[in-house]
């Protein structure tokens, strides 16, 4: 199959000030460079807590772009620092999160402080600073969560959707982007498999041969996020139509012919992932290359995407990785993997 090319060219960022939380990660770095190359912003603020990652990103920028970027060392747990960073900002892309499932289980308070309290801080600071648009990144693990990371991102999604009520009359609008695993992201299965192969393994560990996942490339994730900016009215959850793959096909694409050892599903891990539940089906519209989950409450006279003529999904519709009508096979995966480094975020 051919991967969807999401068109973010409609995002009007010329002369705008944009802040990216978690901006030194691979998503933030890719988004930054794309904005600088295509959108003529007034400035882009990278907000993250890791000094060394700020240094690396700053040194990776072309000289002509350096003057438009501000590197703000800060943590979303610190609301006062956010308020300072958000002065004069038009758009926030909230990418900061603690994402590792097992680490979240072992360090639950740290996960909550970043993913939940941090979300509240972004909301409050954005309203206080008069930011116009806030777009928060989510994950398929936030749907019917079975681990703390997923539960914390579900809480984050709820906070950003409900923030539109809190912001009523201020002009600040909040929406959410939800997508699946990013191919090659740091800590994911691709760099893990590649590391094992580099170390001389003779077999790849497979949790369960039936396991499926939604997958999206980093460039797709960035373009999809940008393409949601001109569409958002406030309160929506945007879900891209992306393919599924099996874990066995992924292993075969990475190491053709290598034996696979089944090791069982790890604690906190699902057999399949869901991005839209049956419960949400009646609030979901088909928007061509994506689905849009409308909020349960109409926060203001904003008009709905359904009212604009986009068809509602049928009752009982569920968007899950095992029931998808788009699939990546081994040949397509090999082509994609050839373009992906083992870095990421």
Protein backbone atom coordinates (compact mmCIF):
# COMPACT_ATOMS: atom_id res chain seq x y z
CA UNK A 1 0.00 0.00 0.00
CA UNK A 2 1.04 3.65 -0.42
CA UNK A 3 1.37 5.62 2.82
CA UNK A 4 -0.84 8.68 3.17
CA UNK A 5 0.89 12.00 2.63
CA UNK A 6 -0.85 14.38 5.01
CA UNK A 7 -0.86 17.93 3.69
CA UNK A 8 0.01 20.51 6.30
CA UNK A 9 0.44 23.36 3.83
CA UNK A 10 -2.84 24.96 4.95
CA UNK A 11 -1.40 25.84 8.36
CA UNK A 12 -1.03 29.62 8.43
CA UNK A 13 2.09 30.09 10.54
CA UNK A 14 3.63 33.03 8.71
CA UNK A 15 4.67 35.66 11.22
CA UNK A 16 3.40 33.53 14.12
CA UNK A 17 5.15 32.63 17.35
CA UNK A 18 5.08 28.88 18.08
CA UNK A 19 6.14 27.01 21.22
CA UNK A 20 6.87 23.27 21.22
CA UNK A 21 6.97 21.51 24.59
CA UNK A 22 9.29 18.53 24.60
CA UNK A 23 10.79 20.26 21.59
CA UNK A 24 14.21 18.60 21.70
CA UNK A 25 12.76 15.15 20.98
CA UNK A 26 12.70 13.75 17.46
CA UNK A 27 9.10 14.90 16.89
CA UNK A 28 9.86 18.42 18.13
CA UNK A 29 13.11 18.65 16.16
CA UNK A 30 11.43 17.47 12.96
CA UNK A 31 8.49 19.83 13.48
CA UNK A 32 10.87 22.73 14.16
CA UNK A 33 12.87 22.20 10.98
CA UNK A 34 9.75 21.80 8.85
CA UNK A 35 8.23 25.00 10.24
CA UNK A 36 11.45 26.92 9.63
CA UNK A 37 11.81 25.63 6.09
CA UNK A 38 8.20 26.04 4.91
CA UNK A 39 6.15 28.38 7.08
CA UNK A 40 8.06 31.62 7.75
CA UNK A 41 7.32 31.90 11.48
CA UNK A 42 8.27 34.95 13.50
CA UNK A 43 9.93 32.68 16.03
CA UNK A 44 9.83 29.13 17.39
CA UNK A 45 10.42 28.44 21.07
CA UNK A 46 11.82 25.05 22.03
CA UNK A 47 10.71 24.27 25.59
CA UNK A 48 12.39 21.25 27.18
CA UNK A 49 14.38 20.41 30.29
CA UNK A 50 17.46 18.65 28.88
CA UNK A 51 20.34 21.12 28.45
CA UNK A 52 22.45 18.77 26.32
CA UNK A 53 19.58 18.06 23.94
CA UNK A 54 19.05 21.80 23.53
CA UNK A 55 22.74 22.09 22.64
CA UNK A 56 22.53 19.29 20.05
CA UNK A 57 19.41 20.69 18.40
CA UNK A 58 20.78 24.22 18.32
CA UNK A 59 23.95 23.01 16.58
CA UNK A 60 21.95 21.03 14.02
CA UNK A 61 20.13 24.09 12.66
CA UNK A 62 21.15 25.87 9.49
CA UNK A 63 22.78 29.27 10.22
CA UNK A 64 19.93 31.17 8.55
CA UNK A 65 17.45 29.59 10.96
CA UNK A 66 19.31 30.18 14.21
CA UNK A 67 17.99 33.70 14.79
CA UNK A 68 14.33 32.59 14.69
CA UNK A 69 14.65 29.92 17.41
CA UNK A 70 14.64 30.43 21.17
CA UNK A 71 15.87 27.61 23.41
CA UNK A 72 13.98 27.67 26.70
CA UNK A 73 15.16 25.27 29.39
CA UNK A 74 12.05 24.41 31.36
CA UNK A 75 9.74 21.66 32.55
CA UNK A 76 5.98 21.41 32.03
CA UNK A 77 5.77 20.65 35.74
CA UNK A 78 6.77 24.28 36.37
CA UNK A 79 3.75 26.48 35.58
CA UNK A 80 5.55 29.75 36.27
CA UNK A 81 8.27 28.87 33.77
CA UNK A 82 5.60 28.01 31.20
CA UNK A 83 3.87 31.36 31.71
CA UNK A 84 7.16 33.13 31.09
CA UNK A 85 7.90 31.10 27.96
CA UNK A 86 4.39 31.59 26.54
CA UNK A 87 4.41 35.39 26.42
CA UNK A 88 3.41 36.46 22.92
CA UNK A 89 2.91 32.88 21.68
CA UNK A 90 0.18 32.16 19.11
CA UNK A 91 0.35 28.35 18.91
CA UNK A 92 1.49 25.62 21.31
CA UNK A 93 2.24 22.06 20.19
CA UNK A 94 2.40 20.01 23.37
CA UNK A 95 4.70 17.04 22.76
CA UNK A 96 6.28 16.70 26.22
CA UNK A 97 5.48 13.41 27.93
CA UNK A 98 6.93 10.46 29.76
CA UNK A 99 6.29 7.63 27.32
CA UNK A 100 7.96 4.44 28.56
CA UNK A 101 5.35 1.95 29.77
CA UNK A 102 7.53 0.00 32.20
CA UNK A 103 9.26 3.07 33.64
CA UNK A 104 5.87 4.67 34.26
CA UNK A 105 4.74 1.62 36.23
CA UNK A 106 7.86 1.78 38.39
CA UNK A 107 7.82 5.58 38.73
CA UNK A 108 4.09 6.39 38.81
CA UNK A 109 4.30 9.78 40.53
CA UNK A 110 6.83 11.04 37.99
CA UNK A 111 4.57 9.94 35.12
CA UNK A 112 1.56 11.68 36.68
CA UNK A 113 3.48 14.87 37.37
CA UNK A 114 4.58 15.18 33.74
CA UNK A 115 1.66 13.74 31.79
CA UNK A 116 -1.28 14.92 33.93
CA UNK A 117 -0.13 17.84 36.09
CA UNK A 118 1.99 19.00 33.16
CA UNK A 119 -1.09 19.00 30.92
CA UNK A 120 -2.99 21.13 33.45
CA UNK A 121 -0.06 23.53 33.63
CA UNK A 122 0.03 23.91 29.84
CA UNK A 123 -3.72 24.64 29.84
CA UNK A 124 -3.61 27.21 32.63
CA UNK A 125 -0.46 28.93 31.34
CA UNK A 126 -1.83 29.07 27.77
CA UNK A 127 -5.06 30.73 28.91
CA UNK A 128 -3.15 33.15 31.12
CA UNK A 129 -0.80 34.06 28.23
CA UNK A 130 -3.62 34.44 25.69
CA UNK A 131 -2.41 31.70 23.35
CA UNK A 132 -4.82 31.21 20.45
CA UNK A 133 -4.36 27.49 19.67
CA UNK A 134 -3.03 24.54 21.65
CA UNK A 135 -2.63 21.15 19.98
CA UNK A 136 -1.67 18.28 22.31
CA UNK A 137 -0.19 14.99 21.15
CA UNK A 138 -1.75 11.75 22.37
CA UNK A 139 -1.38 8.03 21.72
CA UNK A 140 -3.46 4.97 20.92
CA UNK A 141 -2.51 3.70 24.39
CA UNK A 142 -4.83 6.35 25.87
CA UNK A 143 -7.84 4.37 24.58
CA UNK A 144 -9.13 1.70 26.99
CA UNK A 145 -5.80 1.94 28.86
CA UNK A 146 -4.37 -1.00 30.78
CA UNK A 147 -1.15 0.68 31.97
CA UNK A 148 -0.34 3.90 33.79
CA UNK A 149 1.18 5.59 30.75
CA UNK A 150 -2.04 5.06 28.78
CA UNK A 151 -4.18 6.13 31.74
CA UNK A 152 -2.13 9.30 32.19
CA UNK A 153 -2.51 10.17 28.52
CA UNK A 154 -6.27 9.51 28.70
CA UNK A 155 -6.39 11.98 31.60
CA UNK A 156 -4.32 14.42 29.54
CA UNK A 157 -6.73 14.11 26.59
CA UNK A 158 -9.69 14.78 28.87
CA UNK A 159 -7.93 17.83 30.35
CA UNK A 160 -7.25 19.37 26.94
CA UNK A 161 -10.76 18.74 25.62
CA UNK A 162 -12.40 20.11 28.79
CA UNK A 163 -10.01 23.09 28.75
CA UNK A 164 -12.21 24.65 26.08
CA UNK A 165 -14.88 25.14 28.71
CA UNK A 166 -12.37 26.66 31.11
CA UNK A 167 -11.16 28.98 28.34
CA UNK A 168 -14.64 30.12 27.32
CA UNK A 169 -14.55 33.80 26.41
CA UNK A 170 -10.76 33.98 26.21
CA UNK A 171 -10.26 32.91 22.60
CA UNK A 172 -7.90 30.04 23.49
CA UNK A 173 -8.76 26.77 21.76
CA UNK A 174 -7.51 23.27 22.64
CA UNK A 175 -7.54 20.08 20.54
CA UNK A 176 -5.79 16.70 20.57
CA UNK A 177 -3.92 14.67 17.94
CA UNK A 178 -3.95 10.90 18.55
CA UNK A 179 -1.87 8.45 16.51
CA UNK A 180 -0.11 5.09 16.79
CA UNK A 181 3.50 4.00 17.23
CA UNK A 182 6.10 6.06 15.41
CA UNK A 183 8.34 3.91 13.25
CA UNK A 184 11.89 3.93 14.61
CA UNK A 185 11.17 6.06 17.67
CA UNK A 186 13.59 5.81 20.58
CA UNK A 187 12.74 2.95 22.93
CA UNK A 188 10.45 1.26 20.39
CA UNK A 189 10.82 -2.20 18.90
CA UNK A 190 12.76 -1.21 15.75
CA UNK A 191 15.87 0.19 17.48
CA UNK A 192 15.53 -2.64 20.04
CA UNK A 193 15.62 -5.30 17.31
CA UNK A 194 18.44 -3.52 15.49
CA UNK A 195 20.45 -3.38 18.70
CA UNK A 196 20.01 -7.12 19.24
CA UNK A 197 21.11 -7.82 15.67
CA UNK A 198 24.16 -5.57 16.08
CA UNK A 199 25.08 -7.50 19.24
CA UNK A 200 24.96 -10.78 17.31
CA UNK A 201 21.63 -12.31 18.30
CA UNK A 202 20.52 -15.40 16.38
CA UNK A 203 16.79 -14.94 17.04
CA UNK A 204 14.37 -12.07 17.65
CA UNK A 205 12.03 -12.12 20.66
CA UNK A 206 8.35 -11.87 19.64
CA UNK A 207 5.79 -11.22 22.34
CA UNK A 208 2.85 -12.77 20.46
CA UNK A 209 2.55 -13.68 16.78
CA UNK A 210 -1.01 -12.28 16.71
CA UNK A 211 0.03 -8.83 17.93
CA UNK A 212 -0.85 -5.85 15.70
CA UNK A 213 -0.09 -2.15 15.95
CA UNK A 214 -0.92 1.09 14.17
CA UNK A 215 2.22 2.64 12.68
CA UNK A 216 3.08 6.08 11.38
CA UNK A 217 6.37 7.56 10.19
CA UNK A 218 7.85 10.58 11.92
CA UNK A 219 7.34 12.81 8.87
CA UNK A 220 3.72 11.65 8.62
CA UNK A 221 3.13 12.43 12.30
CA UNK A 222 4.54 15.94 11.89
CA UNK A 223 2.62 16.64 8.67
CA UNK A 224 -0.60 15.30 10.18
CA UNK A 225 -0.22 17.54 13.23
CA UNK A 226 0.36 20.59 11.01
CA UNK A 227 -2.64 19.67 8.88
CA UNK A 228 -4.92 19.73 11.95
CA UNK A 229 -4.13 23.36 12.81
CA UNK A 230 -6.38 24.99 10.17
CA UNK A 231 -9.17 22.47 10.86
CA UNK A 232 -9.39 22.67 14.65
CA UNK A 233 -12.30 24.52 16.22
CA UNK A 234 -11.64 23.36 19.76
CA UNK A 235 -12.35 20.10 21.59
CA UNK A 236 -11.70 17.67 18.74
CA UNK A 237 -9.51 14.58 18.82
CA UNK A 238 -7.92 14.09 15.40
CA UNK A 239 -7.10 10.50 14.39
CA UNK A 240 -5.20 9.77 11.14
CA UNK A 241 -6.11 6.87 8.89
CA UNK A 242 -2.88 4.88 9.06
CA UNK A 243 -1.95 1.25 8.41
CA UNK A 244 -1.54 -1.65 10.79
CA UNK A 245 1.17 -4.28 10.77
CA UNK A 246 1.88 -7.51 12.60
CA UNK A 247 4.90 -7.80 14.85
CA UNK A 248 6.01 -10.89 12.95
CA UNK A 249 6.04 -9.01 9.63
CA UNK A 250 8.05 -6.23 11.24
CA UNK A 251 10.63 -8.71 12.54
CA UNK A 252 10.84 -10.36 9.11
CA UNK A 253 11.34 -6.98 7.42
CA UNK A 254 14.16 -6.07 9.82
CA UNK A 255 15.91 -9.46 9.70
CA UNK A 256 14.68 -11.64 6.82
CA UNK A 257 14.83 -15.32 7.62
CA UNK A 258 15.99 -14.88 11.23
CA UNK A 259 14.22 -17.24 13.66
CA UNK A 260 11.64 -15.67 15.96
CA UNK A 261 11.26 -16.70 19.60
CA UNK A 262 7.87 -16.16 21.24
CA UNK A 263 8.34 -14.74 24.75
CA UNK A 264 4.79 -13.74 25.72
CA UNK A 265 3.03 -10.40 26.16
CA UNK A 266 4.72 -8.16 28.73
CA UNK A 267 2.80 -6.63 31.67
CA UNK A 268 0.83 -3.58 30.59
CA UNK A 269 0.91 -4.55 26.91
CA UNK A 270 -2.11 -5.17 24.67
CA UNK A 271 -2.53 -7.68 21.87
CA UNK A 272 -4.11 -4.97 19.67
CA UNK A 273 -4.48 -1.20 20.00
CA UNK A 274 -7.61 0.93 19.56
CA UNK A 275 -7.76 4.57 18.52
CA UNK A 276 -11.55 5.03 18.44
CA UNK A 277 -13.91 3.03 20.64
CA UNK A 278 -17.48 1.99 19.89
CA UNK A 279 -18.55 4.44 22.60
CA UNK A 280 -17.05 7.30 20.57
CA UNK A 281 -18.47 6.15 17.24
CA UNK A 282 -21.56 8.37 17.31
CA UNK A 283 -19.38 11.44 17.90
CA UNK A 284 -16.92 10.53 15.14
CA UNK A 285 -16.93 11.96 11.62
CA UNK A 286 -15.13 10.74 8.51
CA UNK A 287 -12.94 13.59 7.31
CA UNK A 288 -11.31 11.89 4.32
CA UNK A 289 -7.76 11.05 5.39
CA UNK A 290 -8.65 11.16 9.09
CA UNK A 291 -11.38 10.71 11.66
CA UNK A 292 -12.44 13.52 13.98
CA UNK A 293 -13.94 12.70 17.37
CA UNK A 294 -16.21 15.59 18.29
CA UNK A 295 -16.42 16.64 21.96
CA UNK A 296 -19.41 15.51 24.00
CA UNK A 297 -20.22 19.12 24.81
CA UNK A 298 -20.54 22.04 22.43
CA UNK A 299 -18.44 24.57 24.31
CA UNK A 300 -19.61 27.56 22.28
CA UNK A 301 -21.38 28.29 19.03
CA UNK A 302 -18.53 26.74 17.09
CA UNK A 303 -20.49 24.53 14.70
CA UNK A 304 -19.62 20.86 14.34
CA UNK A 305 -17.82 19.05 11.56
CA UNK A 306 -20.97 16.94 11.16
CA UNK A 307 -23.00 20.11 10.56
CA UNK A 308 -20.45 21.06 7.89
CA UNK A 309 -21.42 17.97 5.89
CA UNK A 310 -18.85 15.40 6.95
CA UNK A 311 -20.52 12.00 7.47
CA UNK A 312 -20.88 10.47 10.92
CA UNK A 313 -19.61 6.97 11.51
CA UNK A 314 -22.16 4.23 12.09
CA UNK A 315 -23.08 3.08 15.56
CA UNK A 316 -20.68 0.38 16.75
CA UNK A 317 -17.78 1.57 14.61
CA UNK A 318 -14.40 0.82 16.19
CA UNK A 319 -10.98 1.75 14.83
CA UNK A 320 -8.63 -0.97 16.05
CA UNK A 321 -5.31 -2.25 14.74
CA UNK A 322 -6.58 -5.78 14.11
CA UNK A 323 -9.72 -4.66 12.20
CA UNK A 324 -8.02 -2.06 10.02
CA UNK A 325 -8.55 -2.06 6.25
CA UNK A 326 -5.02 -0.75 5.64
CA UNK A 327 -2.02 -3.03 6.21
CA UNK A 328 1.72 -2.84 5.74
CA UNK A 329 3.36 -6.04 4.52
CA UNK A 330 7.01 -7.05 4.54
CA UNK A 331 7.94 -5.46 1.16
CA UNK A 332 6.47 -2.07 2.15
CA UNK A 333 8.08 -2.26 5.57
CA UNK A 334 11.51 -2.91 4.08
CA UNK A 335 11.24 0.21 1.95
CA UNK A 336 10.20 2.33 4.93
CA UNK A 337 12.83 0.86 7.25
CA UNK A 338 15.56 1.71 4.74
CA UNK A 339 14.80 5.39 5.32
CA UNK A 340 14.61 5.23 9.12
CA UNK A 341 17.55 5.67 11.46
CA UNK A 342 17.61 4.05 14.86
CA UNK A 343 17.36 7.38 16.70
CA UNK A 344 14.15 9.15 17.55
CA UNK A 345 12.01 9.99 20.49
